[in-house]
């Protein structure tokens, strides 16, 4: 492991350790780094998001690289373009040597995240393959099927947000193919990472049975310092579906968030067939016409083209905004300035609630009060109570003044 012997690695590690007080140092111990075992990294029941999961597996990746070899040695698969952009940024930051070490050979990181740049990527892969590739599963398989990307030299395969990807009907087939057909488990270390994996023991068992990992798989479970951030409070408002838009507007004017996300459910197939607009469109149009706050209202949804999504994401990171999005924004979005989350529609599960809530309260030691507010009907109260029981939190009911005043 040539990279482990280089002092810059340790200076990078300790520099990031200061900014990630809950960083899972277990993943950097030599018994995991130096072995050729597969690791299933499971951060289960962890409410404290932003704890350094990405940095943890990237340090493992860098420890396995041969910097003198021009070949794809590490592959990181992500479910969304936005998460891929974040992972790529962190990886390139780690690959940049500190001052005084500029002459040391470093590595290159390629992002295969859809869009219109795949032709340029093909030329790059043929001329001088990068050591690390960060990719969405669709773009990755497109390159593999055209025999442009070769994985013979791959040492580490990382599947980030693995539970989300296995629950996605669009991605699971390609993911299974990647784990079994495009590379051999005997020559790679496999890291399956997520903050939440329900029935984790069964999952690890299935990984071995399906030959996605080696038999001596290591299960890493990192407990948070506290089950929930002390500065995060949960609230709910009971209102009819017809009142939801006006209720949301009232809450935004009352809360005056520094930055916020409004989560909306996916459009149903029935609604699509009837030609009805998705809820995201209705909310965006309503807020742009009625919201008088200082935040710009921005839309992010899966159907948007790559450039539009990239622009929305960049704007969010640069300044406070009010983002309206489906659950595409609930996984891996690192937007530390977000103070308020609004569930315009309840998520489908407690795990989805956990990931939505994890978009706020991400700044270590911040004294900013952050909140998650759910807009529900009376009939949906029991669903929220189920989430409370499973995730061990309590919600405060907000009784609003008459919206007609």
Protein backbone atom coordinates (compact mmCIF):
# COMPACT_ATOMS: atom_id res chain seq x y z
CA UNK A 1 0.00 0.00 0.00
CA UNK A 2 2.34 2.76 -1.19
CA UNK A 3 0.02 5.60 -0.29
CA UNK A 4 -0.04 4.67 3.40
CA UNK A 5 3.69 5.25 3.63
CA UNK A 6 3.40 8.83 2.42
CA UNK A 7 3.25 11.53 5.07
CA UNK A 8 0.77 13.70 3.09
CA UNK A 9 -1.89 11.01 3.65
CA UNK A 10 -1.67 11.41 7.40
CA UNK A 11 -1.67 15.21 7.24
CA UNK A 12 -4.84 15.02 5.13
CA UNK A 13 -6.42 12.57 7.53
CA UNK A 14 -5.80 14.68 10.62
CA UNK A 15 -6.89 17.82 8.82
CA UNK A 16 -10.24 16.24 7.96
CA UNK A 17 -10.50 14.62 11.39
CA UNK A 18 -10.76 18.08 12.95
CA UNK A 19 -13.73 18.97 10.78
CA UNK A 20 -15.46 15.61 11.27
CA UNK A 21 -15.55 15.00 15.05
CA UNK A 22 -17.70 11.89 14.60
CA UNK A 23 -15.55 10.47 11.79
CA UNK A 24 -15.62 6.65 11.89
CA UNK A 25 -11.96 6.04 12.64
CA UNK A 26 -12.63 2.26 12.75
CA UNK A 27 -12.51 2.22 8.96
CA UNK A 28 -8.91 3.49 8.86
CA UNK A 29 -7.40 0.85 11.14
CA UNK A 30 -4.72 -1.29 9.50
CA UNK A 31 -6.65 -4.55 10.00
CA UNK A 32 -9.25 -3.27 7.51
CA UNK A 33 -6.91 -1.33 5.24
CA UNK A 34 -4.33 -4.00 4.75
CA UNK A 35 -6.60 -7.02 4.49
CA UNK A 36 -8.22 -8.05 1.26
CA UNK A 37 -11.56 -8.68 2.90
CA UNK A 38 -14.76 -7.17 1.66
CA UNK A 39 -16.25 -4.60 3.98
CA UNK A 40 -19.95 -3.90 4.31
CA UNK A 41 -20.01 -0.48 5.92
CA UNK A 42 -23.34 -0.06 7.68
CA UNK A 43 -24.22 3.13 9.55
CA UNK A 44 -27.55 1.89 10.82
CA UNK A 45 -29.91 3.84 13.06
CA UNK A 46 -27.64 6.84 12.73
CA UNK A 47 -29.49 10.11 12.88
CA UNK A 48 -26.38 12.26 12.90
CA UNK A 49 -25.77 12.67 9.20
CA UNK A 50 -22.60 14.27 7.82
CA UNK A 51 -20.46 12.03 10.06
CA UNK A 52 -17.79 11.37 7.43
CA UNK A 53 -18.97 8.23 5.61
CA UNK A 54 -17.63 9.48 2.27
CA UNK A 55 -14.29 10.39 3.75
CA UNK A 56 -14.09 7.01 5.49
CA UNK A 57 -14.37 4.91 2.36
CA UNK A 58 -12.24 7.33 0.32
CA UNK A 59 -9.36 6.88 2.77
CA UNK A 60 -9.68 3.14 2.23
CA UNK A 61 -9.68 3.69 -1.52
CA UNK A 62 -6.55 5.85 -1.44
CA UNK A 63 -4.74 3.32 0.73
CA UNK A 64 -5.16 0.69 -2.02
CA UNK A 65 -3.96 2.74 -5.00
CA UNK A 66 -0.74 2.26 -6.93
CA UNK A 67 0.02 5.82 -7.99
CA UNK A 68 2.58 4.70 -10.56
CA UNK A 69 0.02 2.68 -12.53
CA UNK A 70 -2.24 4.35 -15.07
CA UNK A 71 -5.36 2.19 -14.81
CA UNK A 72 -8.79 2.29 -13.18
CA UNK A 73 -8.07 0.85 -9.72
CA UNK A 74 -11.08 2.14 -7.77
CA UNK A 75 -14.71 2.46 -8.82
CA UNK A 76 -17.26 4.37 -6.72
CA UNK A 77 -20.90 3.90 -7.78
CA UNK A 78 -23.47 6.45 -6.60
CA UNK A 79 -27.26 6.63 -7.11
CA UNK A 80 -27.48 10.28 -8.21
CA UNK A 81 -25.46 12.80 -10.15
CA UNK A 82 -25.51 15.28 -7.28
CA UNK A 83 -23.99 12.80 -4.82
CA UNK A 84 -21.43 11.92 -7.49
CA UNK A 85 -20.45 15.58 -7.80
CA UNK A 86 -19.88 15.76 -4.05
CA UNK A 87 -17.87 12.54 -3.85
CA UNK A 88 -15.73 13.66 -6.81
CA UNK A 89 -15.00 16.98 -5.11
CA UNK A 90 -13.88 15.28 -1.89
CA UNK A 91 -11.79 12.72 -3.78
CA UNK A 92 -10.03 15.40 -5.81
CA UNK A 93 -9.37 17.32 -2.62
CA UNK A 94 -7.68 14.29 -1.10
CA UNK A 95 -5.70 13.72 -4.30
CA UNK A 96 -4.26 17.24 -4.14
CA UNK A 97 -0.94 17.09 -2.35
CA UNK A 98 -0.17 19.67 0.36
CA UNK A 99 2.43 22.39 -0.16
CA UNK A 100 5.94 21.03 -0.25
CA UNK A 101 4.86 17.75 -1.86
CA UNK A 102 3.98 19.05 -5.31
CA UNK A 103 6.53 16.75 -6.99
CA UNK A 104 4.96 13.61 -5.54
CA UNK A 105 2.96 11.58 -8.04
CA UNK A 106 -0.75 11.83 -7.31
CA UNK A 107 -3.85 10.29 -8.85
CA UNK A 108 -6.63 11.46 -11.16
CA UNK A 109 -10.36 11.24 -10.51
CA UNK A 110 -12.96 10.96 -13.28
CA UNK A 111 -16.69 11.62 -12.86
CA UNK A 112 -19.08 9.65 -15.11
CA UNK A 113 -22.35 11.31 -14.18
CA UNK A 114 -24.43 11.36 -17.38
CA UNK A 115 -24.85 14.46 -19.47
CA UNK A 116 -23.17 15.27 -22.79
CA UNK A 117 -19.54 14.67 -21.82
CA UNK A 118 -19.23 10.92 -22.40
CA UNK A 119 -17.37 11.41 -25.71
CA UNK A 120 -14.67 13.40 -23.93
CA UNK A 121 -14.52 10.72 -21.25
CA UNK A 122 -13.96 8.02 -23.88
CA UNK A 123 -10.92 9.88 -25.17
CA UNK A 124 -9.61 10.34 -21.62
CA UNK A 125 -10.02 6.64 -20.77
CA UNK A 126 -8.14 5.58 -23.90
CA UNK A 127 -5.31 8.11 -23.54
CA UNK A 128 -4.52 7.86 -19.81
CA UNK A 129 -7.02 6.02 -17.60
CA UNK A 130 -7.66 7.63 -14.19
CA UNK A 131 -7.00 5.71 -10.99
CA UNK A 132 -10.46 6.54 -9.55
CA UNK A 133 -13.83 6.68 -11.34
CA UNK A 134 -16.98 8.04 -9.67
CA UNK A 135 -20.05 7.02 -11.67
CA UNK A 136 -23.79 6.62 -11.77
CA UNK A 137 -24.76 3.08 -12.69
CA UNK A 138 -26.31 4.05 -16.04
CA UNK A 139 -23.26 5.90 -17.36
CA UNK A 140 -20.93 3.24 -16.01
CA UNK A 141 -22.69 0.34 -17.74
CA UNK A 142 -22.82 2.33 -20.98
CA UNK A 143 -19.02 2.60 -20.90
CA UNK A 144 -18.57 -1.04 -19.91
CA UNK A 145 -20.84 -2.35 -22.66
CA UNK A 146 -18.90 -0.35 -25.26
CA UNK A 147 -15.66 -1.79 -23.84
CA UNK A 148 -14.31 1.71 -23.27
CA UNK A 149 -13.88 1.27 -19.52
CA UNK A 150 -11.86 -1.72 -18.36
CA UNK A 151 -11.93 -3.03 -14.78
CA UNK A 152 -9.18 -5.66 -14.92
CA UNK A 153 -6.98 -3.57 -12.60
CA UNK A 154 -9.75 -2.63 -10.16
CA UNK A 155 -8.77 -3.11 -6.52
CA UNK A 156 -11.70 -1.47 -4.74
CA UNK A 157 -15.40 -1.29 -5.62
CA UNK A 158 -17.56 1.06 -3.54
CA UNK A 159 -21.37 1.09 -3.74
CA UNK A 160 -22.58 4.19 -1.90
CA UNK A 161 -26.17 4.41 -0.58
CA UNK A 162 -26.41 0.71 -1.36
CA UNK A 163 -29.86 0.23 0.22
CA UNK A 164 -31.32 3.00 -1.94
CA UNK A 165 -29.83 1.49 -5.09
CA UNK A 166 -31.11 -2.01 -4.36
CA UNK A 167 -34.59 -0.57 -3.77
CA UNK A 168 -34.56 1.24 -7.12
CA UNK A 169 -36.14 -0.80 -9.90
CA UNK A 170 -34.19 1.28 -12.44
CA UNK A 171 -30.79 0.48 -10.92
CA UNK A 172 -30.92 -2.91 -9.23
CA UNK A 173 -30.51 -5.03 -12.41
CA UNK A 174 -27.44 -3.09 -13.55
CA UNK A 175 -26.01 -3.13 -10.04
CA UNK A 176 -26.30 -6.92 -9.77
CA UNK A 177 -24.61 -7.22 -13.15
CA UNK A 178 -21.75 -5.01 -12.00
CA UNK A 179 -21.21 -7.02 -8.82
CA UNK A 180 -21.16 -10.41 -10.56
CA UNK A 181 -20.32 -10.05 -14.27
CA UNK A 182 -18.08 -7.06 -14.87
CA UNK A 183 -15.53 -7.82 -12.14
CA UNK A 184 -14.47 -10.73 -9.95
CA UNK A 185 -14.72 -10.64 -6.16
CA UNK A 186 -11.44 -12.53 -5.86
CA UNK A 187 -9.44 -9.56 -7.13
CA UNK A 188 -11.23 -6.68 -5.44
CA UNK A 189 -12.25 -5.32 -2.07
CA UNK A 190 -15.96 -4.49 -2.01
CA UNK A 191 -17.31 -1.70 0.21
CA UNK A 192 -21.10 -1.40 0.54
CA UNK A 193 -21.86 1.85 2.36
CA UNK A 194 -25.03 3.43 3.70
CA UNK A 195 -26.32 5.24 6.74
CA UNK A 196 -29.29 2.88 6.85
CA UNK A 197 -29.57 -0.76 5.90
CA UNK A 198 -32.69 -2.45 7.29
CA UNK A 199 -32.14 -6.07 8.37
CA UNK A 200 -28.41 -5.58 8.07
CA UNK A 201 -27.48 -9.11 9.14
CA UNK A 202 -29.70 -10.58 6.42
CA UNK A 203 -28.20 -8.16 3.93
CA UNK A 204 -24.64 -9.23 4.76
CA UNK A 205 -25.70 -12.89 4.47
CA UNK A 206 -27.25 -12.23 1.04
CA UNK A 207 -24.08 -10.45 -0.12
CA UNK A 208 -22.07 -13.61 0.55
CA UNK A 209 -24.68 -15.98 -0.91
CA UNK A 210 -25.01 -13.94 -4.10
CA UNK A 211 -21.19 -13.75 -4.37
CA UNK A 212 -21.17 -9.96 -4.28
CA UNK A 213 -18.52 -10.09 -1.54
CA UNK A 214 -16.01 -12.58 -0.21
CA UNK A 215 -17.02 -15.04 2.50
CA UNK A 216 -15.05 -13.30 5.25
CA UNK A 217 -17.02 -10.07 4.96
CA UNK A 218 -16.49 -7.48 7.72
CA UNK A 219 -19.53 -5.62 9.02
CA UNK A 220 -18.63 -2.14 10.34
CA UNK A 221 -21.28 -0.43 12.45
CA UNK A 222 -20.52 3.07 13.69
CA UNK A 223 -22.67 4.37 16.52
CA UNK A 224 -23.35 8.12 16.67
CA UNK A 225 -22.22 10.10 19.71
CA UNK A 226 -25.90 10.93 20.27
CA UNK A 227 -28.92 9.35 18.57
CA UNK A 228 -30.20 12.71 17.32
CA UNK A 229 -28.64 16.15 17.06
CA UNK A 230 -29.71 18.22 20.05
CA UNK A 231 -30.41 21.21 17.81
CA UNK A 232 -32.93 19.35 15.63
CA UNK A 233 -36.62 19.48 16.50
CA UNK A 234 -39.52 17.69 14.81
CA UNK A 235 -42.91 19.28 14.27
CA UNK A 236 -46.14 18.52 12.44
CA UNK A 237 -49.17 20.46 11.28
CA UNK A 238 -52.55 18.79 10.69
CA UNK A 239 -54.33 20.26 7.69
CA UNK A 240 -56.35 19.11 4.73
CA UNK A 241 -54.64 18.52 1.40
CA UNK A 242 -56.41 21.56 -0.04
CA UNK A 243 -54.86 23.74 2.70
CA UNK A 244 -51.31 22.44 2.29
CA UNK A 245 -49.98 25.10 -0.06
CA UNK A 246 -51.22 27.96 2.10
CA UNK A 247 -50.01 26.19 5.23
CA UNK A 248 -46.56 25.79 3.72
CA UNK A 249 -46.47 29.48 2.79
CA UNK A 250 -47.50 30.44 6.34
CA UNK A 251 -44.72 28.29 7.83
CA UNK A 252 -42.08 29.76 5.51
CA UNK A 253 -43.08 33.30 6.43
CA UNK A 254 -43.12 32.42 10.13
CA UNK A 255 -39.87 30.40 10.24
CA UNK A 256 -37.77 32.60 7.91
CA UNK A 257 -35.29 29.77 7.21
CA UNK A 258 -31.69 30.57 6.27
CA UNK A 259 -32.01 27.81 3.71
CA UNK A 260 -34.63 25.09 3.33
CA UNK A 261 -35.83 22.04 1.42
CA UNK A 262 -39.46 21.19 0.64
CA UNK A 263 -39.75 17.45 0.03
CA UNK A 264 -42.54 16.23 -2.26
CA UNK A 265 -43.65 12.69 -3.07
CA UNK A 266 -43.04 11.11 -6.48
CA UNK A 267 -45.80 11.55 -9.04
CA UNK A 268 -47.94 8.43 -9.36
CA UNK A 269 -48.23 6.52 -12.62
CA UNK A 270 -51.98 7.17 -12.63
CA UNK A 271 -51.39 10.91 -12.40
CA UNK A 272 -48.87 10.74 -15.23
CA UNK A 273 -51.30 8.85 -17.49
CA UNK A 274 -53.99 11.45 -16.81
CA UNK A 275 -51.57 14.16 -17.92
CA UNK A 276 -51.65 15.92 -14.55
CA UNK A 277 -48.67 18.10 -13.57
CA UNK A 278 -46.44 16.77 -10.77
CA UNK A 279 -46.74 18.26 -7.28
CA UNK A 280 -43.28 19.82 -7.62
CA UNK A 281 -44.52 21.96 -10.52
CA UNK A 282 -47.62 23.09 -8.61
CA UNK A 283 -45.57 24.03 -5.54
CA UNK A 284 -42.91 25.86 -7.55
CA UNK A 285 -45.52 27.92 -9.40
CA UNK A 286 -47.38 28.72 -6.17
CA UNK A 287 -44.27 29.75 -4.22
CA UNK A 288 -42.82 31.85 -7.02
CA UNK A 289 -46.12 33.74 -7.18
CA UNK A 290 -46.82 34.01 -3.43
CA UNK A 291 -43.59 33.65 -1.41
CA UNK A 292 -42.18 37.06 -0.50
CA UNK A 293 -39.15 35.90 1.46
CA UNK A 294 -35.51 36.54 0.59
CA UNK A 295 -34.73 33.00 -0.61
CA UNK A 296 -34.79 32.07 -4.28
CA UNK A 297 -37.11 29.14 -5.03
CA UNK A 298 -35.31 26.39 -6.98
CA UNK A 299 -36.62 23.13 -8.44
CA UNK A 300 -34.70 19.86 -8.50
CA UNK A 301 -36.23 16.70 -9.94
CA UNK A 302 -35.02 13.56 -11.68
CA UNK A 303 -36.57 14.40 -15.05
CA UNK A 304 -34.53 17.62 -15.37
CA UNK A 305 -31.61 17.47 -17.80
CA UNK A 306 -28.07 17.20 -16.49
CA UNK A 307 -27.09 20.85 -16.96
CA UNK A 308 -30.26 22.14 -15.25
CA UNK A 309 -29.74 19.82 -12.28
CA UNK A 310 -26.06 20.73 -12.02
CA UNK A 311 -26.95 24.44 -12.04
CA UNK A 312 -29.57 23.99 -9.30
CA UNK A 313 -27.13 22.04 -7.16
CA UNK A 314 -24.32 24.59 -7.60
CA UNK A 315 -26.66 27.45 -6.69
CA UNK A 316 -27.76 25.63 -3.54
CA UNK A 317 -24.20 25.12 -2.33
CA UNK A 318 -23.18 28.72 -3.00
CA UNK A 319 -25.99 30.45 -1.12
CA UNK A 320 -29.15 29.88 0.85
CA UNK A 321 -32.11 28.82 -1.29
CA UNK A 322 -35.51 27.23 -0.96
CA UNK A 323 -35.27 23.91 -2.78
CA UNK A 324 -38.37 22.01 -3.90
CA UNK A 325 -37.45 18.40 -4.62
CA UNK A 326 -38.46 14.76 -4.54
CA UNK A 327 -36.39 12.26 -2.55
CA UNK A 328 -33.58 12.70 -5.05
CA UNK A 329 -32.27 15.37 -2.65
CA UNK A 330 -32.52 13.15 0.44
CA UNK A 331 -29.44 11.00 -0.25
CA UNK A 332 -25.94 12.36 0.05
CA UNK A 333 -26.81 16.03 -0.35
CA UNK A 334 -24.31 17.92 1.79
CA UNK A 335 -25.88 21.36 2.23
CA UNK A 336 -24.62 22.46 5.66
CA UNK A 337 -26.49 25.79 5.60
CA UNK A 338 -29.93 24.08 5.48
CA UNK A 339 -31.87 24.91 8.65
CA UNK A 340 -35.42 23.82 7.79
CA UNK A 341 -36.93 20.73 6.18
CA UNK A 342 -40.61 20.63 5.17
CA UNK A 343 -42.32 17.34 4.34
CA UNK A 344 -45.08 18.51 2.01
CA UNK A 345 -45.79 14.80 1.54
CA UNK A 346 -44.81 12.23 4.14
CA UNK A 347 -41.99 9.91 3.07
CA UNK A 348 -42.78 6.27 2.34
CA UNK A 349 -40.80 4.85 5.26
CA UNK A 350 -38.94 5.72 8.45
CA UNK A 351 -35.67 5.25 6.57
CA UNK A 352 -36.73 7.87 4.02
CA UNK A 353 -37.74 10.20 6.88
CA UNK A 354 -34.29 9.70 8.38
CA UNK A 355 -32.53 10.65 5.17
CA UNK A 356 -34.73 13.69 4.58
CA UNK A 357 -34.15 14.91 8.12
CA UNK A 358 -30.44 14.29 7.70
CA UNK A 359 -30.19 17.18 5.22
CA UNK A 360 -30.24 19.61 8.14
CA UNK A 361 -28.30 19.90 11.38
CA UNK A 362 -25.09 18.96 9.54
CA UNK A 363 -22.72 21.64 10.89
CA UNK A 364 -20.75 20.26 13.88
CA UNK A 365 -21.32 22.19 17.12
CA UNK A 366 -23.69 24.64 15.41
CA UNK A 367 -26.07 26.51 17.71
CA UNK A 368 -28.57 27.13 14.89
CA UNK A 369 -31.95 25.62 15.67
CA UNK A 370 -32.95 23.28 12.88
CA UNK A 371 -36.34 21.70 12.30
CA UNK A 372 -38.24 19.10 10.31
CA UNK A 373 -41.92 19.99 9.84
CA UNK A 374 -44.41 17.54 8.33
CA UNK A 375 -47.72 18.62 6.79
CA UNK A 376 -50.16 15.78 7.41
CA UNK A 377 -53.86 14.94 7.48
CA UNK A 378 -55.51 13.49 10.58
CA UNK A 379 -55.42 10.07 8.95
CA UNK A 380 -51.63 10.32 8.46
CA UNK A 381 -50.87 10.99 12.11
CA UNK A 382 -50.44 7.28 12.87
CA UNK A 383 -47.83 7.00 10.08
CA UNK A 384 -45.76 9.76 11.64
CA UNK A 385 -46.14 8.09 15.05
CA UNK A 386 -44.76 4.88 13.55
CA UNK A 387 -41.72 6.82 12.33
CA UNK A 388 -41.32 8.33 15.81
CA UNK A 389 -41.37 4.90 17.46
CA UNK A 390 -38.94 3.38 14.99
CA UNK A 391 -36.47 6.27 15.03
CA UNK A 392 -36.99 7.22 18.69
CA UNK A 393 -37.93 10.88 18.43
CA UNK A 394 -40.93 12.99 19.42
CA UNK A 395 -42.82 15.51 17.31
CA UNK A 396 -44.46 18.69 18.51
CA UNK A 397 -47.85 19.60 17.05
CA UNK A 398 -48.12 23.13 15.73
CA UNK A 399 -51.60 24.66 15.99
CA UNK A 400 -51.61 27.48 13.48
CA UNK A 401 -53.68 30.60 13.53
CA UNK A 402 -56.52 30.73 11.06
CA UNK A 403 -55.08 31.01 7.58
CA UNK A 404 -57.96 33.26 6.59
CA UNK A 405 -56.79 36.04 8.94
